[in-house]
Amino acid sequence: MIRVKVFPLLGCDRGALDERSWMELEDGSTVGDALRRIRMSPLKAKLLLLSVNGERAPLSRALHDGDVIGFFLPVSGG
């Protein structure tokens, strides 16, 4: 088992997270597996900038114990 921290957006299911936003997953789990646990749609995840430990990451990225998953909304400016 591994533990990863997830900073989910509004509308996600926080039931899989403890009070400090940590989640337990099976060894070999991916970012996509974690997002399914919080019921974030793959489309929504693709529209956002997804990061693991502060670096952009695909849904297929394998997770390791202690990883932190976060999201950034794309912003445009002028």
N, C-alpha and C. Protein backbone atom coordinates (compact mmCIF):
# COMPACT_ATOMS: atom_id res chain seq x y z
N MET A 1 0.84 -1.19 0.00
CA MET A 1 0.00 0.00 0.00
C MET A 1 0.88 1.25 0.00
N ILE A 2 0.38 2.27 -0.70
CA ILE A 2 1.04 3.57 -0.69
C ILE A 2 0.03 4.61 -0.23
N ARG A 3 0.56 5.73 0.26
CA ARG A 3 -0.29 6.85 0.65
C ARG A 3 0.11 8.05 -0.20
N VAL A 4 -0.89 8.69 -0.80
CA VAL A 4 -0.65 9.90 -1.58
C VAL A 4 -1.58 10.99 -1.08
N LYS A 5 -1.12 12.22 -1.21
CA LYS A 5 -1.93 13.37 -0.80
C LYS A 5 -2.58 13.94 -2.06
N VAL A 6 -3.87 14.26 -1.96
CA VAL A 6 -4.62 14.78 -3.09
C VAL A 6 -5.29 16.08 -2.68
N PHE A 7 -5.12 17.11 -3.52
CA PHE A 7 -5.81 18.37 -3.31
C PHE A 7 -6.92 18.46 -4.35
N PRO A 8 -8.08 17.84 -4.06
CA PRO A 8 -9.16 17.79 -5.06
C PRO A 8 -9.87 19.12 -5.22
N LEU A 9 -10.47 19.28 -6.38
CA LEU A 9 -11.27 20.47 -6.67
C LEU A 9 -12.67 20.31 -6.11
N LEU A 10 -13.41 21.39 -6.07
CA LEU A 10 -14.81 21.32 -5.65
C LEU A 10 -15.57 20.35 -6.55
N GLY A 11 -16.48 19.63 -5.97
CA GLY A 11 -17.28 18.68 -6.73
C GLY A 11 -16.72 17.27 -6.73
N CYS A 12 -15.52 17.09 -6.23
CA CYS A 12 -14.94 15.75 -6.15
C CYS A 12 -15.39 15.08 -4.85
N ASP A 13 -15.39 13.77 -4.84
CA ASP A 13 -15.78 13.01 -3.66
C ASP A 13 -14.59 12.91 -2.71
N ARG A 14 -14.69 13.54 -1.57
CA ARG A 14 -13.60 13.53 -0.59
C ARG A 14 -13.69 12.33 0.37
N GLY A 15 -14.65 11.44 0.13
CA GLY A 15 -14.84 10.30 1.00
C GLY A 15 -13.67 9.34 1.05
N ALA A 16 -12.85 9.30 0.00
CA ALA A 16 -11.70 8.41 -0.04
C ALA A 16 -10.48 9.02 0.66
N LEU A 17 -10.60 10.27 1.11
CA LEU A 17 -9.48 10.98 1.73
C LEU A 17 -9.66 11.06 3.23
N ASP A 18 -8.54 11.04 3.96
CA ASP A 18 -8.64 11.24 5.40
C ASP A 18 -8.72 12.74 5.69
N GLU A 19 -8.70 13.12 6.95
CA GLU A 19 -8.88 14.52 7.33
C GLU A 19 -7.75 15.43 6.85
N ARG A 20 -6.63 14.86 6.45
CA ARG A 20 -5.50 15.65 5.94
C ARG A 20 -5.30 15.46 4.44
N SER A 21 -6.31 14.93 3.77
CA SER A 21 -6.33 14.73 2.31
C SER A 21 -5.40 13.63 1.81
N TRP A 22 -5.07 12.65 2.66
CA TRP A 22 -4.27 11.51 2.24
C TRP A 22 -5.20 10.36 1.85
N MET A 23 -4.75 9.57 0.89
CA MET A 23 -5.51 8.43 0.39
C MET A 23 -4.56 7.23 0.30
N GLU A 24 -5.10 6.06 0.62
CA GLU A 24 -4.33 4.83 0.45
C GLU A 24 -4.70 4.17 -0.86
N LEU A 25 -3.67 3.71 -1.59
CA LEU A 25 -3.86 3.03 -2.86
C LEU A 25 -2.98 1.79 -2.90
N GLU A 26 -3.31 0.88 -3.79
CA GLU A 26 -2.49 -0.31 -4.00
C GLU A 26 -1.16 0.08 -4.64
N ASP A 27 -0.11 -0.69 -4.36
CA ASP A 27 1.16 -0.48 -5.05
C ASP A 27 0.94 -0.57 -6.55
N GLY A 28 1.61 0.27 -7.31
CA GLY A 28 1.48 0.28 -8.76
C GLY A 28 0.32 1.11 -9.27
N SER A 29 -0.40 1.80 -8.38
CA SER A 29 -1.53 2.64 -8.80
C SER A 29 -1.02 3.85 -9.59
N THR A 30 -1.89 4.38 -10.43
CA THR A 30 -1.56 5.53 -11.26
C THR A 30 -2.36 6.75 -10.81
N VAL A 31 -2.02 7.89 -11.41
CA VAL A 31 -2.78 9.11 -11.14
C VAL A 31 -4.25 8.89 -11.52
N GLY A 32 -4.49 8.21 -12.63
CA GLY A 32 -5.86 7.93 -13.05
C GLY A 32 -6.62 7.13 -12.02
N ASP A 33 -5.95 6.17 -11.37
CA ASP A 33 -6.60 5.39 -10.31
C ASP A 33 -7.02 6.29 -9.15
N ALA A 34 -6.15 7.21 -8.78
CA ALA A 34 -6.46 8.13 -7.68
C ALA A 34 -7.65 9.02 -8.04
N LEU A 35 -7.68 9.50 -9.30
CA LEU A 35 -8.77 10.37 -9.71
C LEU A 35 -10.10 9.63 -9.76
N ARG A 36 -10.06 8.37 -10.12
CA ARG A 36 -11.30 7.57 -10.09
C ARG A 36 -11.83 7.44 -8.67
N ARG A 37 -10.92 7.33 -7.70
CA ARG A 37 -11.34 7.20 -6.30
C ARG A 37 -12.05 8.45 -5.80
N ILE A 38 -11.66 9.63 -6.32
CA ILE A 38 -12.33 10.86 -5.89
C ILE A 38 -13.42 11.26 -6.89
N ARG A 39 -13.68 10.38 -7.84
CA ARG A 39 -14.75 10.55 -8.84
C ARG A 39 -14.59 11.82 -9.70
N MET A 40 -13.35 12.06 -10.11
CA MET A 40 -13.11 13.15 -11.06
C MET A 40 -13.12 12.55 -12.45
N SER A 41 -13.89 13.14 -13.34
CA SER A 41 -13.99 12.60 -14.69
C SER A 41 -12.66 12.77 -15.44
N PRO A 42 -12.32 11.82 -16.30
CA PRO A 42 -11.09 11.95 -17.10
C PRO A 42 -11.09 13.22 -17.95
N LEU A 43 -12.25 13.62 -18.45
CA LEU A 43 -12.33 14.83 -19.26
C LEU A 43 -11.95 16.06 -18.43
N LYS A 44 -12.48 16.15 -17.24
CA LYS A 44 -12.16 17.27 -16.36
C LYS A 44 -10.67 17.29 -16.04
N ALA A 45 -10.11 16.11 -15.77
CA ALA A 45 -8.69 16.01 -15.45
C ALA A 45 -7.83 16.46 -16.62
N LYS A 46 -8.25 16.15 -17.85
CA LYS A 46 -7.47 16.54 -19.03
C LYS A 46 -7.55 18.05 -19.28
N LEU A 47 -8.64 18.69 -18.88
CA LEU A 47 -8.78 20.12 -19.08
C LEU A 47 -7.96 20.94 -18.08
N LEU A 48 -7.62 20.31 -16.97
CA LEU A 48 -6.84 20.98 -15.93
C LEU A 48 -5.36 20.67 -16.09
N LEU A 49 -4.54 21.45 -15.46
CA LEU A 49 -3.11 21.14 -15.41
C LEU A 49 -2.89 20.29 -14.17
N LEU A 50 -2.58 19.04 -14.39
CA LEU A 50 -2.42 18.06 -13.32
C LEU A 50 -0.94 17.99 -12.95
N SER A 51 -0.66 17.98 -11.65
CA SER A 51 0.74 17.88 -11.22
C SER A 51 0.90 16.80 -10.16
N VAL A 52 2.07 16.20 -10.17
CA VAL A 52 2.49 15.29 -9.11
C VAL A 52 3.82 15.84 -8.59
N ASN A 53 3.83 16.16 -7.32
CA ASN A 53 5.01 16.75 -6.69
C ASN A 53 5.46 18.02 -7.40
N GLY A 54 4.48 18.80 -7.89
CA GLY A 54 4.78 20.07 -8.52
C GLY A 54 5.17 20.02 -9.99
N GLU A 55 5.17 18.83 -10.59
CA GLU A 55 5.52 18.70 -12.01
C GLU A 55 4.34 18.14 -12.78
N ARG A 56 4.10 18.64 -14.00
CA ARG A 56 3.01 18.13 -14.83
C ARG A 56 3.16 16.63 -14.99
N ALA A 57 2.02 15.94 -14.99
CA ALA A 57 2.04 14.49 -15.07
C ALA A 57 0.83 13.98 -15.84
N PRO A 58 1.00 12.89 -16.60
CA PRO A 58 -0.14 12.28 -17.29
C PRO A 58 -0.93 11.39 -16.34
N LEU A 59 -2.13 11.02 -16.75
CA LEU A 59 -2.97 10.13 -15.94
C LEU A 59 -2.32 8.76 -15.75
N SER A 60 -1.43 8.39 -16.66
CA SER A 60 -0.80 7.07 -16.60
C SER A 60 0.42 7.02 -15.67
N ARG A 61 0.78 8.14 -15.08
CA ARG A 61 1.98 8.16 -14.23
C ARG A 61 1.78 7.29 -13.00
N ALA A 62 2.76 6.45 -12.74
CA ALA A 62 2.73 5.60 -11.54
C ALA A 62 2.97 6.47 -10.31
N LEU A 63 2.25 6.16 -9.25
CA LEU A 63 2.40 6.90 -8.00
C LEU A 63 3.28 6.15 -7.03
N HIS A 64 3.93 6.91 -6.16
CA HIS A 64 4.80 6.35 -5.14
C HIS A 64 4.38 6.90 -3.77
N ASP A 65 4.74 6.19 -2.74
CA ASP A 65 4.39 6.60 -1.39
C ASP A 65 4.87 8.03 -1.14
N GLY A 66 3.95 8.88 -0.66
CA GLY A 66 4.28 10.25 -0.33
C GLY A 66 4.07 11.26 -1.45
N ASP A 67 3.69 10.81 -2.66
CA ASP A 67 3.44 11.74 -3.75
C ASP A 67 2.28 12.67 -3.42
N VAL A 68 2.30 13.86 -4.03
CA VAL A 68 1.25 14.85 -3.83
C VAL A 68 0.65 15.20 -5.19
N ILE A 69 -0.67 15.03 -5.32
CA ILE A 69 -1.38 15.33 -6.56
C ILE A 69 -2.12 16.65 -6.39
N GLY A 70 -1.90 17.55 -7.34
CA GLY A 70 -2.57 18.85 -7.31
C GLY A 70 -3.07 19.23 -8.69
N PHE A 71 -3.86 20.28 -8.76
CA PHE A 71 -4.45 20.74 -10.01
C PHE A 71 -4.31 22.25 -10.11
N PHE A 72 -4.13 22.71 -11.33
CA PHE A 72 -4.07 24.13 -11.61
C PHE A 72 -5.05 24.44 -12.72
N LEU A 73 -5.81 25.48 -12.56
CA LEU A 73 -6.72 25.90 -13.62
C LEU A 73 -5.95 26.68 -14.66
N PRO A 74 -6.16 26.37 -15.94
CA PRO A 74 -5.48 27.16 -16.98
C PRO A 74 -5.98 28.61 -16.94
N VAL A 75 -5.05 29.51 -17.09
CA VAL A 75 -5.38 30.94 -17.03
C VAL A 75 -4.83 31.59 -18.29
N SER A 76 -5.61 32.47 -18.85
CA SER A 76 -5.10 33.25 -19.98
C SER A 76 -5.11 34.70 -19.59
N GLY A 77 -4.20 35.41 -20.15
CA GLY A 77 -4.12 36.82 -19.81
C GLY A 77 -3.82 37.64 -21.05
N GLY A 78 -3.70 38.89 -20.84
CA GLY A 78 -3.43 39.73 -21.99
C GLY A 78 -2.60 40.91 -21.62
